[in-house]
Amino acid sequence: MSVKFIGYIGFNNGSETQSAVRSRALDIHYVNAAAKAQEEGGFDRVLIPFGSNSPESQIVAAHAAALTSRLGFLVAHRPGFTQPTVAARQLATLDQLSSGRVAVHIITGGADDEMARDGDTKTVKAERYARTDEYLTILRQEWTASKPFDHQGAYYDIRQAFSAIKPDNLPVFFGGSSDEAIEVAGRHADVYALWGETLAAVQDTVRAVRKSAARHGRSPGFSLSLRPVIADTEEAAWKRAADIEEQVRENRVAAGLPLTGHRPPNAGSLRLLETASANRQDKRLWTGVAALTGAAGNSTGLVGTPEQVADAMLDYYDIGIDHFLIRGFDPLGDSVLYGRELLPRVRARVAEREAAGLALAG
């Protein structure tokens, strides 16, 4: 089993610990530098995020693809706001223009207030996953149909749909921890995306998704999202993690945001917040920022020297994780550090495992 690395291009060089270097919603200089740095650092893809008040992810991906030649792009996309036939053609066009370097990360959405900002005010979570299920069915049909097709469902009524442009290689990533999400993942996900939980919790989810996918004759890959904190010594790495925690605390207090009493609206954040009941889990899993922020997204990390963090990542690899989505609290600087210190070590350890497996098989 090979291993893939997914980096991150936000829209400016900001994070929970710092304001953007330039006070702009979209900093083109950062986007350009982040794309080039992560291509040079050996990342396979970068995630382009989606938000109800942020720049448009597909357009940013198209810009970054024009600056690079090898780097792939994982474009976050929320079903329900674009007709699936239109989205299928948009993504297929981006796939063709980038020479097959695009994947799509389907984010169904769970927070009612964010969904309402784009006009979705009348659905509940279970309906959203049902809509996503139908949406992905149409998306794939538009990508593969050799002649016009009709579709009549609960959410979409389509007559004689057909796309002249087809993708060459467009994997579907999918996340969500609820029962409804696991069912949709089983039917549609090429790669199922998890946040960084304990080894035991991740293994439970991998088993559940595999069981769901097996009912449809499918076998997805698995991506784990982490915020690694590395330094030359273990002591220095944990000191850096503590400093990050303190900066997040100060920033949230200054902004009037809560530090405790969080009630996340989605199952994934609830699970992650449960993990954050202890600051450290397993060998190196650090949950301090998740606890402070209410586990809002990718907020747990692995802490240690590059060798120690690589070994901890291999523990996840051994239970089925074949993609790692990693980003830092200093987005641009950490991506360079990961490319230099972390990616080569993990790849070398995976190659050793594969070689040992082939030797045993022989």
Protein backbone atom coordinates (compact mmCIF):
# COMPACT_ATOMS: atom_id res chain seq x y z
CA MET A 1 0.00 0.00 0.00
CA SER A 2 1.53 3.29 -1.09
CA VAL A 3 1.23 6.52 0.89
CA LYS A 4 0.07 9.94 -0.37
CA PHE A 5 0.53 13.36 1.21
CA ILE A 6 -1.99 16.16 0.97
CA GLY A 7 -0.97 19.67 1.92
CA TYR A 8 -3.07 22.78 2.23
CA ILE A 9 -3.52 26.10 0.48
CA GLY A 10 -5.80 28.45 2.37
CA PHE A 11 -6.36 31.91 1.00
CA ASN A 12 -3.80 33.76 3.12
CA ASN A 13 -1.01 32.82 5.49
CA GLY A 14 -3.18 32.81 8.59
CA SER A 15 -4.19 30.24 11.19
CA GLU A 16 -5.58 29.95 14.71
CA THR A 17 -2.31 31.31 16.08
CA GLN A 18 -1.82 34.31 13.83
CA SER A 19 -3.63 36.76 11.66
CA ALA A 20 -3.02 36.65 7.95
CA VAL A 21 0.26 38.21 6.93
CA ARG A 22 -1.73 40.55 4.69
CA SER A 23 -5.19 41.60 5.77
CA ARG A 24 -6.82 40.33 2.59
CA ALA A 25 -9.41 37.60 2.07
CA LEU A 26 -7.34 36.36 -0.88
CA ASP A 27 -3.58 36.89 -0.87
CA ILE A 28 -2.34 35.88 -4.31
CA HIS A 29 1.31 36.08 -3.23
CA TYR A 30 0.67 33.52 -0.49
CA VAL A 31 -1.29 31.23 -2.84
CA ASN A 32 1.52 31.33 -5.40
CA ALA A 33 4.23 30.67 -2.78
CA ALA A 34 2.25 27.87 -1.09
CA ALA A 35 1.60 26.06 -4.39
CA LYS A 36 5.24 26.21 -5.45
CA ALA A 37 6.60 25.28 -2.01
CA GLN A 38 4.38 22.21 -1.70
CA GLU A 39 5.13 21.03 -5.22
CA GLU A 40 8.85 21.35 -4.49
CA GLY A 41 8.35 19.67 -1.11
CA GLY A 42 6.91 16.52 -2.69
CA PHE A 43 3.25 16.79 -1.69
CA ASP A 44 0.93 14.78 -3.91
CA ARG A 45 -2.02 17.14 -3.56
CA VAL A 46 -3.11 20.23 -1.66
CA LEU A 47 -6.56 20.82 -0.20
CA ILE A 48 -8.30 24.02 -1.29
CA PRO A 49 -10.93 24.64 1.43
CA PHE A 50 -14.55 25.73 1.14
CA GLY A 51 -16.42 28.20 3.32
CA SER A 52 -19.64 30.16 3.07
CA ASN A 53 -17.72 33.45 3.21
CA SER A 54 -14.40 32.50 1.58
CA PRO A 55 -12.99 32.73 -1.97
CA GLU A 56 -14.17 30.10 -4.46
CA SER A 57 -12.13 26.91 -4.23
CA GLN A 58 -12.30 25.79 -7.88
CA ILE A 59 -11.06 29.13 -9.16
CA VAL A 60 -8.15 29.15 -6.72
CA ALA A 61 -7.30 25.57 -7.75
CA ALA A 62 -7.35 26.53 -11.43
CA HIS A 63 -4.97 29.42 -10.73
CA ALA A 64 -2.58 27.24 -8.70
CA ALA A 65 -2.70 24.46 -11.30
CA ALA A 66 -1.48 26.92 -13.93
CA LEU A 67 1.58 27.68 -11.76
CA THR A 68 2.56 24.05 -11.23
CA SER A 69 3.14 20.92 -13.29
CA ARG A 70 3.00 17.98 -10.84
CA LEU A 71 1.04 19.10 -7.78
CA GLY A 72 -2.50 17.73 -7.47
CA PHE A 73 -5.49 19.58 -6.04
CA LEU A 74 -8.21 18.41 -3.66
CA VAL A 75 -11.04 20.87 -4.25
CA ALA A 76 -13.52 21.15 -1.38
CA HIS A 77 -17.08 21.28 -2.71
CA ARG A 78 -20.45 21.49 -0.98
CA PRO A 79 -23.38 19.75 -2.69
CA GLY A 80 -26.72 21.48 -2.90
CA PHE A 81 -25.74 24.95 -4.08
CA THR A 82 -24.77 24.09 -7.67
CA GLN A 83 -26.73 21.74 -9.88
CA PRO A 84 -24.85 18.40 -9.99
CA THR A 85 -24.70 18.39 -13.79
CA VAL A 86 -23.11 21.84 -13.80
CA ALA A 87 -20.65 20.89 -11.03
CA ALA A 88 -19.72 17.72 -12.93
CA ARG A 89 -18.79 19.73 -16.03
CA GLN A 90 -16.91 22.35 -13.99
CA LEU A 91 -14.82 19.70 -12.25
CA ALA A 92 -14.26 17.71 -15.45
CA THR A 93 -13.07 20.89 -17.18
CA LEU A 94 -10.65 21.58 -14.33
CA ASP A 95 -9.46 17.97 -14.52
CA GLN A 96 -8.73 18.32 -18.25
CA LEU A 97 -7.02 21.71 -17.94
CA SER A 98 -4.78 20.40 -15.14
CA SER A 99 -3.94 17.14 -16.96
CA GLY A 100 -5.73 14.94 -14.43
CA ARG A 101 -4.47 16.57 -11.25
CA VAL A 102 -7.85 17.21 -9.58
CA ALA A 103 -9.84 15.39 -6.90
CA VAL A 104 -13.00 16.64 -5.20
CA HIS A 105 -13.63 16.64 -1.46
CA ILE A 106 -17.37 16.48 -0.82
CA ILE A 107 -18.37 18.39 2.33
CA THR A 108 -22.06 17.92 3.06
CA GLY A 109 -22.19 20.55 5.82
CA GLY A 110 -23.60 20.31 9.30
CA ALA A 111 -23.79 23.79 10.87
CA ASP A 112 -27.19 25.35 10.20
CA ASP A 113 -25.94 28.94 10.45
CA GLU A 114 -23.24 28.41 7.82
CA MET A 115 -25.62 26.60 5.47
CA ALA A 116 -28.10 29.47 5.83
CA ARG A 117 -25.54 32.00 4.57
CA ASP A 118 -25.78 30.35 1.15
CA GLY A 119 -29.54 30.06 1.29
CA ASP A 120 -30.01 26.54 2.67
CA THR A 121 -32.44 27.25 5.52
CA LYS A 122 -34.93 24.39 5.33
CA THR A 123 -32.92 21.16 5.50
CA VAL A 124 -31.73 19.09 8.43
CA LYS A 125 -28.57 16.98 8.50
CA ALA A 126 -30.20 13.67 7.48
CA GLU A 127 -31.79 15.38 4.46
CA ARG A 128 -28.45 16.91 3.49
CA TYR A 129 -26.79 13.50 3.37
CA ALA A 130 -29.70 12.13 1.33
CA ARG A 131 -29.28 15.06 -1.05
CA THR A 132 -25.52 14.45 -1.24
CA ASP A 133 -26.17 10.78 -2.06
CA GLU A 134 -28.41 11.74 -4.98
CA TYR A 135 -26.03 14.53 -6.02
CA LEU A 136 -23.06 12.17 -6.25
CA THR A 137 -25.08 9.62 -8.19
CA ILE A 138 -25.84 12.27 -10.83
CA LEU A 139 -22.28 13.63 -10.75
CA ARG A 140 -20.81 10.24 -11.57
CA GLN A 141 -23.42 9.57 -14.24
CA GLU A 142 -22.61 12.89 -15.94
CA TRP A 143 -18.94 11.89 -15.89
CA THR A 144 -19.50 8.45 -17.43
CA ALA A 145 -22.71 8.46 -19.52
CA SER A 146 -22.17 7.80 -23.22
CA LYS A 147 -25.62 9.13 -24.11
CA PRO A 148 -28.16 11.56 -22.59
CA PHE A 149 -29.87 10.36 -19.41
CA ASP A 150 -32.84 11.29 -17.25
CA HIS A 151 -32.94 11.37 -13.46
CA GLN A 152 -35.95 11.89 -11.24
CA GLY A 153 -35.34 11.81 -7.50
CA ALA A 154 -36.29 13.49 -4.24
CA TYR A 155 -34.03 16.49 -4.87
CA TYR A 156 -33.26 16.63 -8.59
CA ASP A 157 -35.37 16.22 -11.74
CA ILE A 158 -33.09 16.13 -14.79
CA ARG A 159 -34.01 15.52 -18.43
CA GLN A 160 -31.57 14.40 -21.14
CA ALA A 161 -28.41 15.37 -19.27
CA PHE A 162 -25.12 14.80 -21.04
CA SER A 163 -21.60 16.17 -20.74
CA ALA A 164 -19.29 16.35 -23.74
CA ILE A 165 -16.31 16.66 -21.38
CA LYS A 166 -15.34 13.77 -19.13
CA PRO A 167 -12.64 13.60 -16.45
CA ASP A 168 -9.61 11.40 -16.96
CA ASN A 169 -8.94 10.94 -13.26
CA LEU A 170 -11.15 12.58 -10.63
CA PRO A 171 -11.31 10.75 -7.27
CA VAL A 172 -14.09 11.57 -4.81
CA PHE A 173 -13.01 12.21 -1.22
CA PHE A 174 -15.77 12.22 1.37
CA GLY A 175 -15.99 12.92 5.10
CA GLY A 176 -18.60 12.64 7.84
CA SER A 177 -18.96 10.53 10.98
CA SER A 178 -22.70 10.12 11.38
CA ASP A 179 -24.47 6.89 10.41
CA GLU A 180 -25.94 8.67 7.38
CA ALA A 181 -22.47 9.82 6.31
CA ILE A 182 -20.98 6.33 6.60
CA GLU A 183 -23.70 4.97 4.34
CA VAL A 184 -23.09 7.64 1.69
CA ALA A 185 -19.33 7.06 1.96
CA GLY A 186 -19.80 3.36 1.33
CA ARG A 187 -21.62 4.07 -1.93
CA HIS A 188 -19.49 6.89 -3.28
CA ALA A 189 -16.13 7.56 -1.59
CA ASP A 190 -12.90 6.71 -3.38
CA VAL A 191 -11.13 8.03 -0.29
CA TYR A 192 -12.81 8.48 3.09
CA ALA A 193 -11.44 11.39 5.14
CA LEU A 194 -11.07 11.33 8.94
CA TRP A 195 -9.79 13.83 11.47
CA GLY A 196 -6.92 12.88 13.77
CA GLU A 197 -8.34 10.72 16.54
CA THR A 198 -6.82 7.94 18.61
CA LEU A 199 -5.62 4.79 16.86
CA ALA A 200 -8.51 2.82 18.35
CA ALA A 201 -11.13 5.35 17.19
CA VAL A 202 -9.64 5.59 13.69
CA GLN A 203 -9.55 1.80 13.40
CA ASP A 204 -13.24 1.61 14.39
CA THR A 205 -14.16 4.12 11.68
CA VAL A 206 -12.05 2.38 9.04
CA ARG A 207 -13.86 -0.88 9.82
CA ALA A 208 -17.29 0.77 9.66
CA VAL A 209 -16.59 2.43 6.29
CA ARG A 210 -15.10 -0.76 4.85
CA LYS A 211 -18.20 -2.68 5.95
CA SER A 212 -20.46 -0.09 4.31
CA ALA A 213 -18.38 -0.03 1.12
CA ALA A 214 -18.25 -3.84 0.89
CA ARG A 215 -22.03 -3.92 0.48
CA HIS A 216 -21.49 -2.03 -2.78
CA GLY A 217 -18.44 -3.99 -3.92
CA ARG A 218 -16.13 -1.08 -3.22
CA SER A 219 -12.81 -0.68 -1.36
CA PRO A 220 -11.97 2.98 -0.57
CA GLY A 221 -8.72 4.48 0.63
CA PHE A 222 -8.50 6.47 3.87
CA SER A 223 -7.14 9.94 4.60
CA LEU A 224 -6.21 11.21 8.07
CA SER A 225 -5.97 14.94 8.83
CA LEU A 226 -3.29 16.08 11.27
CA ARG A 227 -1.41 19.21 12.39
CA PRO A 228 2.14 17.90 13.06
CA VAL A 229 4.36 19.87 15.45
CA ILE A 230 8.01 18.90 14.94
CA ALA A 231 11.34 20.12 16.31
CA ASP A 232 14.90 18.88 16.72
CA THR A 233 14.15 17.39 20.16
CA GLU A 234 11.01 15.96 21.73
CA GLU A 235 11.20 18.53 24.52
CA ALA A 236 11.38 21.40 22.02
CA ALA A 237 8.43 19.97 20.05
CA TRP A 238 6.19 19.77 23.12
CA LYS A 239 7.30 23.29 24.10
CA ARG A 240 6.26 24.49 20.66
CA ALA A 241 2.89 22.73 21.04
CA ALA A 242 2.36 24.43 24.43
CA ASP A 243 3.22 27.81 22.89
CA ILE A 244 0.71 27.21 20.09
CA GLU A 245 -1.94 26.33 22.65
CA GLU A 246 -1.26 29.51 24.61
CA GLN A 247 -1.41 31.66 21.48
CA VAL A 248 -4.74 30.10 20.45
CA ARG A 249 -6.07 30.75 23.97
CA GLU A 250 -4.99 34.40 23.88
CA ASN A 251 -6.41 34.95 20.40
CA ARG A 252 -9.78 33.47 21.32
CA VAL A 253 -10.03 35.52 24.50
CA ALA A 254 -9.17 38.68 22.57
CA ALA A 255 -11.84 37.85 19.99
CA GLY A 256 -14.47 37.04 22.63
CA LEU A 257 -14.66 33.39 21.62
CA PRO A 258 -15.32 30.60 24.15
CA LEU A 259 -12.62 28.26 25.44
CA THR A 260 -14.99 25.73 27.05
CA GLY A 261 -18.59 24.57 26.88
CA HIS A 262 -18.44 23.82 23.15
CA ARG A 263 -21.41 22.11 21.49
CA PRO A 264 -20.36 21.18 17.95
CA PRO A 265 -23.24 20.61 15.52
CA ASN A 266 -21.71 17.62 13.71
CA ALA A 267 -20.79 14.09 14.74
CA GLY A 268 -17.18 14.38 13.63
CA SER A 269 -16.46 17.37 15.86
CA LEU A 270 -18.27 15.72 18.76
CA ARG A 271 -16.04 12.67 18.40
CA LEU A 272 -12.95 14.83 18.15
CA LEU A 273 -13.94 16.84 21.21
CA GLU A 274 -14.35 13.57 23.09
CA THR A 275 -10.80 12.66 22.08
CA ALA A 276 -9.67 16.07 23.39
CA SER A 277 -10.83 15.22 26.93
CA ALA A 278 -7.14 14.41 27.53
CA ASN A 279 -4.43 16.72 26.20
CA ARG A 280 -2.28 13.80 25.05
CA GLN A 281 -3.46 10.46 23.68
CA ASP A 282 -1.62 7.37 22.41
CA LYS A 283 2.09 8.01 21.81
CA ARG A 284 2.04 11.52 20.37
CA LEU A 285 -1.54 12.63 19.64
CA TRP A 286 -1.98 16.18 20.94
CA THR A 287 -5.48 17.61 21.35
CA GLY A 288 -4.92 20.97 23.05
CA VAL A 289 -6.14 23.16 20.18
CA ALA A 290 -9.14 20.91 19.54
CA ALA A 291 -10.24 21.34 23.16
CA LEU A 292 -9.93 25.15 22.99
CA THR A 293 -11.71 25.56 19.64
CA GLY A 294 -14.47 23.01 20.03
CA ALA A 295 -12.79 20.63 17.59
CA ALA A 296 -13.70 22.89 14.70
CA GLY A 297 -12.11 21.05 11.81
CA ASN A 298 -8.59 19.69 11.54
CA SER A 299 -7.22 20.60 14.98
CA THR A 300 -5.28 17.66 16.45
CA GLY A 301 -1.59 16.98 15.90
CA LEU A 302 1.30 14.62 16.38
CA VAL A 303 4.18 16.07 18.41
CA GLY A 304 7.85 15.10 18.48
CA THR A 305 11.00 14.96 16.41
CA PRO A 306 10.54 14.22 12.69
CA GLU A 307 11.56 10.61 13.36
CA GLN A 308 9.06 10.24 16.22
CA VAL A 309 6.19 11.80 14.28
CA ALA A 310 6.98 9.66 11.21
CA ASP A 311 6.84 6.55 13.40
CA ALA A 312 3.49 7.65 14.84
CA MET A 313 2.13 8.20 11.33
CA LEU A 314 3.22 4.67 10.43
CA ASP A 315 1.03 3.38 13.27
CA TYR A 316 -1.95 4.86 11.41
CA TYR A 317 -0.65 3.53 8.10
CA ASP A 318 -0.62 0.04 9.61
CA ILE A 319 -4.37 0.22 10.32
CA GLY A 320 -5.29 1.35 6.81
CA ILE A 321 -4.49 5.06 6.41
CA ASP A 322 -2.94 5.60 2.98
CA HIS A 323 -3.33 9.40 2.72
CA PHE A 324 -2.17 12.00 5.24
CA LEU A 325 -3.56 15.53 5.03
CA ILE A 326 -1.12 17.65 7.02
CA ARG A 327 -0.93 21.38 7.63
CA GLY A 328 0.73 23.54 10.23
CA PHE A 329 -0.04 26.55 12.37
CA ASP A 330 2.51 28.51 10.32
CA PRO A 331 0.96 27.39 7.01
CA LEU A 332 3.70 28.30 4.56
CA GLY A 333 6.71 27.76 6.83
CA ASP A 334 5.45 24.44 8.18
CA SER A 335 4.72 23.12 4.67
CA VAL A 336 8.36 23.70 3.76
CA LEU A 337 9.46 22.00 7.01
CA TYR A 338 7.22 18.98 6.36
CA GLY A 339 8.52 18.60 2.81
CA ARG A 340 12.10 18.63 4.03
CA GLU A 341 11.88 16.67 7.29
CA LEU A 342 8.70 14.59 7.45
CA LEU A 343 7.55 13.38 4.03
CA PRO A 344 10.85 11.68 3.09
CA ARG A 345 11.00 9.83 6.41
CA VAL A 346 7.46 8.46 6.15
CA ARG A 347 7.95 7.45 2.52
CA ALA A 348 11.19 5.67 3.40
CA ARG A 349 9.50 3.71 6.21
CA VAL A 350 6.59 2.74 3.95
CA ALA A 351 9.05 1.58 1.27
CA GLU A 352 10.83 -0.56 3.88
CA ARG A 353 7.52 -2.16 4.87
CA GLU A 354 6.58 -2.85 1.26
CA ALA A 355 9.99 -4.34 0.54
CA ALA A 356 9.77 -6.56 3.63
CA GLY A 357 6.28 -7.68 2.56
CA LEU A 358 7.48 -8.59 -0.93
CA ALA A 359 10.41 -10.49 0.54
CA LEU A 360 8.09 -12.49 2.77
CA ALA A 361 5.69 -13.14 -0.13
CA GLY A 362 8.61 -14.36 -2.25
